[in-house]
Amino acid sequence: MDDQPKASKNVVMVVAAMVSFHVVFLGAMIIAGHWPAAVWLVASMVGIYFLLRKLMKDEPQWSLGVPTIFPTRTGWLLALVLLGLYLASITSQSGLLLLLIGLVAGCFFINLARAARSVKRLEILPPCSAFLSEGERLAQPWKIINGGRRESGLIEVLTPAGVLFRVARLGPSEAAHIVPSLVFQNRGVYPCGEVSVRTAYPFGLVSASAKLGLTGEIVVYPALYPAPSPVAAGYDLMLGGKHQGSRRTTSGASFAGVRPLQPGDPLKQIHWKSSAKGRGLMVKTYDEELSGRVAFLLDPGHSRSLDTLNDCLRAAGSLMFAALDEGHHVEWLVLGDDSARLVPPFDDGQDILDGLARLEMRPGRLTAANVLAAAAKVSRKSALCLMLTDFNEEIAGGLNALLEQKRIVSVYLPNTLQALNVPETVRQYRYGRRQVEECR
């Protein structure tokens, strides 16, 4: 609240005073039995609530540090019990029931005040950024500090993915380092600015929560699994390549024999034992090492199913890493994007994981025009892998156009779709959450 503009502070204080005024008079009207006035006060409080909500939506900085108050499940249940007791007190005209109602209502107000005060005094210090895969927990501890002079507890730190961690009790000016227990099930980027803290201390009847405006992000990569290397094309000579060619070279890892020295041969490759036999200088030769090229064209969610898109990206990442391990050059491009990304053989693939984690669903890009445009943006030597979430007749026409260009094409589809009626030269595969299989 200290960093907010003075005007926003004044607005919040005025609204808080109006709410307090309405609560006091609402209680008085209910006790006195003036139901029309009570109904008017309730309607007025609802109007104030929506006004404050609109103000916070129009000015997001006002919501930082301003607690959101809401009854817990226990609070709602107890409120219903209080309503029943009040109706019973009207029928029986018993003052003892009203006394009991007043005591419980006092607990609600005490809980509201303590929770609102506690949540404003809590401070969270997260790591700058965190990177993990689906199905994993954060490994770095988060620091939580109670900056108030009173004890706090029943604390939950929340993200859009769920409860990050809980703290049962935190003494005055006490700090704790907590390793989050939340398991992130789906890939994506979770900004720390969306993290909020919530407490229902001390009675668990009313909770107060507030966003903290933290910096940093949690990046969850798609979970990869063993997958067969995709079909490659456009093999070129490359030292360290895992595919053997038909020719011999003067460098490599697999020794093939010796031959007479030729102009341009490096002197360090001279085989001195063979040269000492009197037949002239001989050099060592090796089997030719080749590296292929594979291009992945990704459909960003034409099926409009987030689960299918996540399965598609897990399969794409697994296939890309399998291709890199085989020593191939990998290119990948999202349909509708402007340029492809090139990843050299044996790269660590960090850019691939980060790009797949940040890819958002964009339906409507799976068209024959986008497929042909994407194929034109990658190397013509590359074999094409179409990672699709859906299929239609228009895409079948695009496949025929690619085959006319003499491209090698493989199609990867969800395992919920049946086999396609496409030319036999097009390899078909099905992917699920944890596997990729070829259609026989």
Protein backbone atom coordinates (compact mmCIF):
# COMPACT_ATOMS: atom_id res chain seq x y z
CA MET A 1 0.00 0.00 0.00
CA ASP A 2 2.92 2.41 0.64
CA ASP A 3 3.80 2.45 -3.07
CA GLN A 4 0.27 3.24 -4.23
CA PRO A 5 -0.74 6.76 -5.28
CA LYS A 6 -2.25 8.87 -2.51
CA ALA A 7 -5.54 9.12 -4.38
CA SER A 8 -5.94 5.36 -4.51
CA LYS A 9 -5.29 5.17 -0.76
CA ASN A 10 -8.03 7.68 -0.11
CA VAL A 11 -10.52 5.80 -2.30
CA VAL A 12 -9.83 2.54 -0.50
CA MET A 13 -10.17 4.21 2.91
CA VAL A 14 -13.48 5.83 1.94
CA VAL A 15 -14.87 2.53 0.65
CA ALA A 16 -13.72 0.73 3.81
CA ALA A 17 -15.44 3.35 5.98
CA MET A 18 -18.66 3.03 3.95
CA VAL A 19 -18.61 -0.75 4.31
CA SER A 20 -18.04 -0.50 8.08
CA PHE A 21 -20.92 1.98 8.38
CA HIS A 22 -23.26 -0.32 6.45
CA VAL A 23 -22.27 -3.39 8.48
CA VAL A 24 -22.97 -1.65 11.79
CA PHE A 25 -26.36 -0.32 10.72
CA LEU A 26 -27.28 -3.61 9.04
CA GLY A 27 -26.77 -5.40 12.34
CA ALA A 28 -28.85 -2.80 14.14
CA MET A 29 -31.71 -3.03 11.63
CA ILE A 30 -31.76 -6.84 11.81
CA ILE A 31 -31.85 -6.80 15.62
CA ALA A 32 -34.60 -4.16 15.60
CA GLY A 33 -36.58 -6.12 13.00
CA HIS A 34 -36.65 -3.31 10.39
CA TRP A 35 -36.43 -5.59 7.37
CA PRO A 36 -36.98 -2.97 4.60
CA ALA A 37 -34.05 -0.96 5.89
CA ALA A 38 -31.97 -4.15 6.22
CA VAL A 39 -32.74 -5.12 2.62
CA TRP A 40 -31.78 -1.62 1.46
CA LEU A 41 -28.47 -1.82 3.32
CA VAL A 42 -27.67 -5.23 1.80
CA ALA A 43 -28.40 -3.88 -1.70
CA SER A 44 -26.20 -0.86 -1.01
CA MET A 45 -23.33 -3.08 0.16
CA VAL A 46 -23.61 -5.17 -3.01
CA GLY A 47 -23.39 -1.97 -5.05
CA ILE A 48 -20.29 -0.87 -3.14
CA TYR A 49 -18.71 -4.28 -3.78
CA PHE A 50 -19.19 -4.07 -7.54
CA LEU A 51 -17.99 -0.44 -7.55
CA LEU A 52 -14.77 -1.42 -5.76
CA ARG A 53 -14.32 -4.37 -8.11
CA LYS A 54 -14.64 -2.10 -11.15
CA LEU A 55 -12.15 0.37 -9.68
CA MET A 56 -9.60 -2.41 -9.13
CA LYS A 57 -10.17 -3.70 -12.66
CA ASP A 58 -9.65 -0.26 -14.18
CA GLU A 59 -6.65 0.51 -11.94
CA PRO A 60 -4.83 -2.82 -11.37
CA GLN A 61 -2.24 -1.24 -9.08
CA TRP A 62 -4.99 -0.62 -6.50
CA SER A 63 -5.54 -4.35 -6.08
CA LEU A 64 -1.91 -4.88 -5.02
CA GLY A 65 -1.89 -5.04 -1.25
CA VAL A 66 -5.67 -4.58 -0.95
CA PRO A 67 -6.98 -7.81 0.62
CA THR A 68 -9.91 -9.65 -0.90
CA ILE A 69 -12.22 -10.81 1.89
CA PHE A 70 -14.34 -13.91 1.49
CA PRO A 71 -15.86 -16.46 3.90
CA THR A 72 -14.34 -19.93 3.96
CA ARG A 73 -16.43 -23.09 3.63
CA THR A 74 -16.52 -23.33 7.40
CA GLY A 75 -17.60 -19.69 7.54
CA TRP A 76 -20.47 -20.23 5.08
CA LEU A 77 -21.64 -23.28 7.03
CA LEU A 78 -21.55 -21.41 10.31
CA ALA A 79 -23.38 -18.46 8.72
CA LEU A 80 -26.20 -20.81 7.70
CA VAL A 81 -26.31 -22.11 11.27
CA LEU A 82 -26.54 -18.53 12.52
CA LEU A 83 -29.41 -17.87 10.15
CA GLY A 84 -31.23 -20.90 11.53
CA LEU A 85 -30.58 -19.74 15.09
CA TYR A 86 -31.90 -16.27 14.26
CA LEU A 87 -35.09 -17.70 12.81
CA ALA A 88 -35.45 -19.89 15.91
CA SER A 89 -34.95 -16.83 18.15
CA ILE A 90 -37.78 -14.99 16.36
CA THR A 91 -40.08 -17.94 16.91
CA SER A 92 -39.12 -18.57 20.53
CA GLN A 93 -38.35 -14.95 21.42
CA SER A 94 -35.26 -16.18 23.29
CA GLY A 95 -32.57 -13.65 24.20
CA LEU A 96 -30.04 -16.41 24.84
CA LEU A 97 -30.04 -17.34 21.15
CA LEU A 98 -29.41 -13.70 20.23
CA LEU A 99 -26.50 -13.65 22.68
CA LEU A 100 -25.04 -16.76 21.04
CA ILE A 101 -25.51 -15.20 17.60
CA GLY A 102 -23.71 -12.07 18.77
CA LEU A 103 -20.77 -14.08 20.12
CA VAL A 104 -20.33 -16.01 16.88
CA ALA A 105 -20.74 -12.83 14.81
CA GLY A 106 -18.01 -11.28 16.94
CA CYS A 107 -15.74 -14.19 16.01
CA PHE A 108 -16.43 -13.44 12.35
CA PHE A 109 -15.46 -9.79 12.75
CA ILE A 110 -12.34 -10.62 14.77
CA ASN A 111 -11.34 -13.17 12.13
CA LEU A 112 -11.93 -10.63 9.36
CA ALA A 113 -9.82 -7.95 11.03
CA ARG A 114 -6.94 -10.28 11.97
CA ALA A 115 -6.83 -11.97 8.57
CA ALA A 116 -6.86 -8.63 6.70
CA ARG A 117 -4.09 -7.29 8.94
CA SER A 118 -2.01 -10.47 8.69
CA VAL A 119 -2.13 -10.74 4.89
CA LYS A 120 -0.88 -7.14 4.54
CA ARG A 121 2.11 -7.90 6.77
CA LEU A 122 3.24 -11.02 4.93
CA GLU A 123 6.13 -10.79 2.47
CA ILE A 124 7.18 -13.45 -0.05
CA LEU A 125 10.68 -13.61 -1.57
CA PRO A 126 10.72 -16.10 -4.49
CA PRO A 127 13.71 -17.17 -6.61
CA CYS A 128 14.31 -14.93 -9.65
CA SER A 129 13.05 -17.59 -12.07
CA ALA A 130 12.51 -21.33 -11.99
CA PHE A 131 12.62 -23.97 -14.72
CA LEU A 132 11.21 -27.48 -14.44
CA SER A 133 9.35 -30.14 -16.42
CA GLU A 134 5.78 -31.34 -16.16
CA GLY A 135 5.22 -33.61 -13.18
CA GLU A 136 8.03 -31.98 -11.14
CA ARG A 137 8.15 -29.76 -8.07
CA LEU A 138 10.17 -26.61 -7.55
CA ALA A 139 13.51 -27.40 -5.96
CA GLN A 140 14.43 -23.91 -4.70
CA PRO A 141 12.99 -22.68 -1.38
CA TRP A 142 10.75 -19.61 -1.12
CA LYS A 143 11.15 -17.24 1.80
CA ILE A 144 8.08 -15.98 3.68
CA ILE A 145 8.35 -13.24 6.31
CA ASN A 146 5.78 -12.11 8.86
CA GLY A 147 6.52 -8.40 9.18
CA GLY A 148 3.81 -7.80 11.77
CA ARG A 149 4.01 -7.67 15.53
CA ARG A 150 1.40 -10.40 15.96
CA GLU A 151 1.38 -14.08 15.18
CA SER A 152 -0.04 -15.25 11.84
CA GLY A 153 -1.02 -18.65 10.54
CA LEU A 154 -3.25 -20.73 8.27
CA ILE A 155 -1.27 -19.23 5.37
CA GLU A 156 -1.55 -20.43 1.77
CA VAL A 157 0.57 -19.16 -1.13
CA LEU A 158 -1.36 -19.62 -4.38
CA THR A 159 -0.56 -19.72 -8.09
CA PRO A 160 -2.91 -20.27 -11.06
CA ALA A 161 -1.73 -23.90 -10.99
CA GLY A 162 -2.80 -24.46 -7.37
CA VAL A 163 -1.54 -24.07 -3.80
CA LEU A 164 2.22 -23.58 -3.87
CA PHE A 165 2.76 -24.23 -0.17
CA ARG A 166 1.10 -23.80 3.26
CA VAL A 167 2.38 -22.46 6.56
CA ALA A 168 0.51 -23.41 9.73
CA ARG A 169 2.06 -20.78 12.02
CA LEU A 170 4.45 -17.86 11.71
CA GLY A 171 5.45 -15.86 14.77
CA PRO A 172 5.96 -12.09 14.94
CA SER A 173 8.88 -10.96 12.70
CA GLU A 174 9.59 -14.62 11.94
CA ALA A 175 10.84 -15.87 8.57
CA ALA A 176 10.69 -19.35 7.09
CA HIS A 177 12.16 -21.02 4.02
CA ILE A 178 9.68 -23.37 2.38
CA VAL A 179 10.24 -25.70 -0.58
CA PRO A 180 6.94 -25.67 -2.53
CA SER A 181 5.05 -28.96 -2.63
CA LEU A 182 2.94 -28.17 -5.72
CA VAL A 183 3.42 -30.53 -8.68
CA PHE A 184 3.04 -28.69 -11.98
CA GLN A 185 1.08 -30.99 -14.29
CA ASN A 186 0.94 -28.88 -17.47
CA ARG A 187 3.54 -26.93 -19.41
CA GLY A 188 3.38 -23.18 -19.57
CA VAL A 189 4.72 -19.97 -18.09
CA TYR A 190 3.40 -18.99 -14.65
CA PRO A 191 4.30 -15.35 -13.83
CA CYS A 192 5.20 -14.72 -10.21
CA GLY A 193 3.10 -11.57 -10.51
CA GLU A 194 0.03 -13.85 -10.35
CA VAL A 195 1.10 -15.32 -7.00
CA SER A 196 -1.16 -14.40 -4.09
CA VAL A 197 -1.12 -15.07 -0.37
CA ARG A 198 -4.20 -16.05 1.64
CA THR A 199 -4.85 -16.49 5.34
CA ALA A 200 -7.93 -17.30 7.41
CA TYR A 201 -6.18 -16.73 10.75
CA PRO A 202 -7.17 -17.22 13.55
CA PHE A 203 -10.52 -19.05 13.37
CA GLY A 204 -10.70 -20.17 9.73
CA LEU A 205 -14.06 -18.46 9.18
CA VAL A 206 -13.07 -15.58 6.88
CA SER A 207 -10.10 -15.55 4.50
CA ALA A 208 -8.18 -12.52 3.26
CA SER A 209 -6.04 -12.75 0.13
CA ALA A 210 -3.93 -10.30 -1.87
CA LYS A 211 -1.65 -10.39 -4.90
CA LEU A 212 1.92 -9.51 -4.10
CA GLY A 213 3.19 -8.07 -7.40
CA LEU A 214 6.27 -10.33 -7.44
CA THR A 215 8.77 -10.43 -10.28
CA GLY A 216 10.07 -13.48 -12.12
CA GLU A 217 8.37 -16.49 -13.64
CA ILE A 218 8.03 -20.25 -13.36
CA VAL A 219 8.62 -21.96 -16.72
CA VAL A 220 7.30 -25.52 -17.01
CA TYR A 221 8.71 -27.49 -19.94
CA PRO A 222 6.76 -30.29 -21.65
CA ALA A 223 7.69 -33.72 -20.30
CA LEU A 224 9.78 -35.63 -22.86
CA TYR A 225 9.97 -39.40 -23.36
CA PRO A 226 11.97 -41.84 -25.53
CA ALA A 227 10.82 -41.64 -29.15
CA PRO A 228 12.11 -43.06 -32.46
CA SER A 229 14.19 -40.65 -34.49
CA PRO A 230 12.14 -39.14 -37.36
CA VAL A 231 12.97 -39.74 -41.01
CA ALA A 232 15.66 -37.32 -42.19
CA ALA A 233 16.82 -36.15 -45.62
CA GLY A 234 19.47 -33.92 -47.20
CA TYR A 235 22.49 -35.68 -45.68
CA ASP A 236 25.67 -33.59 -45.60
CA LEU A 237 29.22 -34.32 -44.52
CA MET A 238 29.69 -33.50 -40.84
CA LEU A 239 32.35 -34.55 -38.37
CA GLY A 240 30.65 -36.50 -35.58
CA GLY A 241 27.58 -37.39 -37.64
CA LYS A 242 26.11 -40.76 -36.75
CA HIS A 243 25.22 -41.85 -40.28
CA GLN A 244 27.81 -43.60 -42.46
CA GLY A 245 28.25 -42.57 -46.09
CA SER A 246 29.66 -44.58 -49.02
CA ARG A 247 32.83 -42.53 -49.45
CA ARG A 248 36.06 -42.27 -47.46
CA THR A 249 37.48 -39.13 -45.84
CA THR A 250 40.67 -38.19 -44.00
CA SER A 251 38.83 -37.36 -40.77
CA GLY A 252 36.33 -39.17 -38.63
CA ALA A 253 35.98 -41.73 -35.86
CA SER A 254 35.64 -45.05 -37.76
CA PHE A 255 38.99 -46.12 -39.29
CA ALA A 256 38.55 -47.62 -42.81
CA GLY A 257 42.09 -48.14 -44.17
CA VAL A 258 44.93 -46.28 -45.89
CA ARG A 259 45.54 -44.80 -49.34
CA PRO A 260 48.37 -42.89 -51.07
CA LEU A 261 48.84 -39.26 -50.09
CA GLN A 262 47.03 -36.78 -52.35
CA PRO A 263 47.46 -33.01 -52.66
CA GLY A 264 45.57 -31.27 -49.87
CA ASP A 265 45.68 -34.19 -47.43
CA PRO A 266 46.66 -33.12 -43.87
CA LEU A 267 50.13 -34.30 -42.84
CA LYS A 268 48.89 -35.31 -39.42
CA GLN A 269 46.88 -38.13 -41.04
CA ILE A 270 50.00 -39.83 -42.50
CA HIS A 271 50.14 -43.52 -41.53
CA TRP A 272 53.85 -43.90 -40.86
CA LYS A 273 53.94 -47.69 -40.52
CA SER A 274 52.44 -48.16 -44.00
CA SER A 275 54.62 -45.39 -45.43
CA ALA A 276 57.77 -47.15 -44.13
CA LYS A 277 57.15 -50.13 -46.42
CA GLY A 278 58.51 -48.22 -49.41
CA ARG A 279 55.26 -47.57 -51.28
CA GLY A 280 55.28 -43.81 -50.66
CA LEU A 281 53.45 -41.75 -48.12
CA MET A 282 50.11 -43.26 -47.04
CA VAL A 283 47.32 -41.49 -45.20
CA LYS A 284 44.61 -42.87 -42.93
CA THR A 285 41.02 -42.86 -44.20
CA TYR A 286 37.73 -43.02 -42.30
CA ASP A 287 34.14 -43.83 -43.10
CA GLU A 288 32.23 -40.77 -44.18
CA GLU A 289 30.11 -39.25 -41.37
CA LEU A 290 26.85 -37.61 -42.41
CA SER A 291 24.17 -35.48 -40.76
CA GLY A 292 20.60 -35.15 -42.04
CA ARG A 293 17.97 -32.43 -41.81
CA VAL A 294 14.51 -32.59 -40.26
CA ALA A 295 11.93 -29.76 -40.19
CA PHE A 296 8.96 -29.77 -37.78
CA LEU A 297 5.84 -27.80 -38.71
CA LEU A 298 3.68 -27.35 -35.58
CA ASP A 299 -0.08 -26.85 -35.51
CA PRO A 300 -0.81 -24.50 -32.55
CA GLY A 301 -4.10 -26.09 -31.50
CA HIS A 302 -6.52 -26.30 -34.42
CA SER A 303 -8.47 -28.95 -32.47
CA ARG A 304 -9.17 -26.34 -29.73
CA SER A 305 -8.29 -28.97 -27.13
CA LEU A 306 -5.55 -27.91 -24.71
CA ASP A 307 -4.88 -31.53 -23.73
CA THR A 308 -4.37 -32.50 -27.38
CA LEU A 309 -2.06 -29.52 -27.94
CA ASN A 310 0.00 -30.45 -24.88
CA ASP A 311 0.28 -34.06 -26.12
CA CYS A 312 1.35 -32.74 -29.53
CA LEU A 313 4.08 -30.54 -28.03
CA ARG A 314 5.37 -33.37 -25.82
CA ALA A 315 5.65 -35.57 -28.91
CA ALA A 316 7.29 -32.76 -30.92
CA GLY A 317 9.87 -32.10 -28.22
CA SER A 318 10.65 -35.81 -27.83
CA LEU A 319 11.09 -36.23 -31.61
CA MET A 320 13.28 -33.13 -31.89
CA PHE A 321 15.61 -34.36 -29.17
CA ALA A 322 15.72 -37.82 -30.77
CA ALA A 323 16.75 -36.16 -34.05
CA LEU A 324 19.44 -34.08 -32.31
CA ASP A 325 20.81 -37.20 -30.61
CA GLU A 326 21.06 -38.82 -34.06
CA GLY A 327 23.19 -35.90 -35.22
CA HIS A 328 20.58 -34.23 -37.44
CA HIS A 329 19.98 -30.53 -38.00
CA VAL A 330 16.54 -29.60 -36.65
CA GLU A 331 14.36 -26.77 -37.90
CA TRP A 332 10.98 -26.00 -36.39
CA LEU A 333 8.27 -23.52 -37.18
CA VAL A 334 4.76 -22.83 -35.87
CA LEU A 335 2.21 -22.59 -38.68
CA GLY A 336 1.52 -18.94 -39.40
CA ASP A 337 4.82 -17.65 -37.94
CA ASP A 338 7.32 -15.72 -40.01
CA SER A 339 10.61 -17.57 -39.57
CA ALA A 340 11.93 -20.99 -38.61
CA ARG A 341 14.35 -21.76 -35.79
CA LEU A 342 17.45 -23.82 -36.58
CA VAL A 343 19.02 -26.05 -33.94
CA PRO A 344 22.42 -27.64 -34.75
CA PRO A 345 23.17 -31.31 -34.02
CA PHE A 346 23.97 -32.29 -30.42
CA ASP A 347 22.66 -28.95 -29.10
CA ASP A 348 21.35 -28.96 -25.51
CA GLY A 349 17.90 -28.04 -26.86
CA GLN A 350 17.22 -25.35 -24.26
CA ASP A 351 15.69 -23.03 -26.88
CA ILE A 352 13.36 -25.83 -28.01
CA LEU A 353 12.06 -26.46 -24.49
CA ASP A 354 11.59 -22.76 -23.78
CA GLY A 355 9.75 -22.19 -27.07
CA LEU A 356 7.41 -25.15 -26.53
CA ALA A 357 6.67 -24.07 -22.95
CA ARG A 358 5.65 -20.58 -24.13
CA LEU A 359 3.60 -21.67 -27.15
CA GLU A 360 -0.03 -20.63 -26.76
CA MET A 361 -3.11 -22.15 -28.40
CA ARG A 362 -3.94 -20.36 -31.65
CA PRO A 363 -6.75 -22.16 -33.49
CA GLY A 364 -7.42 -21.51 -37.16
CA ARG A 365 -3.85 -21.75 -38.45
CA LEU A 366 -4.11 -25.28 -39.82
CA THR A 367 -4.69 -24.49 -43.50
CA ALA A 368 -3.10 -25.79 -46.70
CA ALA A 369 -1.78 -22.28 -47.42
CA ASN A 370 -0.03 -22.08 -44.04
CA VAL A 371 1.44 -25.58 -44.44
CA LEU A 372 2.86 -24.77 -47.88
CA ALA A 373 4.15 -21.38 -46.69
CA ALA A 374 5.86 -23.00 -43.69
CA ALA A 375 7.45 -25.68 -45.90
CA ALA A 376 8.85 -22.91 -48.12
CA LYS A 377 10.52 -21.24 -45.11
CA VAL A 378 12.62 -24.27 -44.14
CA SER A 379 15.47 -25.88 -46.06
CA ARG A 380 14.37 -27.70 -49.21
CA LYS A 381 16.72 -30.52 -48.23
CA SER A 382 14.85 -31.18 -44.98
CA ALA A 383 12.36 -33.97 -44.44
CA LEU A 384 9.06 -32.55 -43.18
CA CYS A 385 7.31 -33.67 -39.98
CA LEU A 386 3.79 -32.27 -39.67
CA MET A 387 2.82 -32.20 -35.98
CA LEU A 388 -0.96 -31.79 -36.18
CA THR A 389 -3.79 -31.73 -33.65
CA ASP A 390 -6.47 -32.27 -36.31
CA PHE A 391 -6.86 -33.20 -39.99
CA ASN A 392 -9.20 -32.25 -42.82
CA GLU A 393 -9.53 -32.55 -46.60
CA GLU A 394 -7.80 -29.23 -47.16
CA ILE A 395 -4.65 -30.52 -45.46
CA ALA A 396 -4.82 -33.66 -47.60
CA GLY A 397 -4.60 -31.39 -50.66
CA GLY A 398 -1.60 -29.64 -49.12
CA LEU A 399 0.13 -33.01 -48.62
CA ASN A 400 -0.31 -33.82 -52.31
CA ALA A 401 1.23 -30.45 -53.20
CA LEU A 402 4.25 -31.20 -51.00
CA LEU A 403 4.69 -34.62 -52.62
CA GLU A 404 4.66 -32.98 -56.05
CA GLN A 405 7.60 -30.89 -54.83
CA LYS A 406 9.48 -34.15 -54.10
CA ARG A 407 9.42 -33.52 -50.33
CA ILE A 408 9.69 -36.35 -47.81
CA VAL A 409 6.66 -36.00 -45.50
CA SER A 410 5.68 -37.62 -42.20
CA VAL A 411 2.38 -36.83 -40.44
CA TYR A 412 1.91 -37.07 -36.66
CA LEU A 413 -1.69 -37.06 -35.37
CA PRO A 414 -3.45 -37.71 -32.03
CA ASN A 415 -4.15 -41.36 -31.29
CA THR A 416 -7.87 -40.49 -31.14
CA LEU A 417 -7.98 -40.08 -34.95
CA GLN A 418 -8.25 -42.95 -37.41
CA ALA A 419 -5.73 -43.77 -40.13
CA LEU A 420 -5.74 -41.31 -43.03
CA ASN A 421 -6.41 -42.03 -46.66
CA VAL A 422 -3.19 -40.46 -47.97
CA PRO A 423 -0.51 -41.62 -50.44
CA GLU A 424 1.65 -44.51 -49.26
CA THR A 425 4.78 -42.36 -49.47
CA VAL A 426 3.49 -40.32 -46.52
CA ARG A 427 4.46 -41.96 -43.23
CA GLN A 428 1.74 -41.83 -40.58
CA TYR A 429 2.33 -41.78 -36.81
CA ARG A 430 0.07 -41.50 -33.76
CA TYR A 431 1.03 -39.80 -30.53
CA GLY A 432 -0.43 -39.94 -27.02
CA ARG A 433 0.61 -38.49 -23.71
CA ARG A 434 3.69 -40.70 -23.36
CA GLN A 435 4.35 -42.43 -26.69
CA VAL A 436 4.71 -42.12 -30.47
CA GLU A 437 3.91 -45.09 -32.69
CA GLU A 438 3.97 -45.63 -36.45
CA CYS A 439 0.76 -46.72 -38.17
CA ARG A 440 1.35 -50.04 -39.91
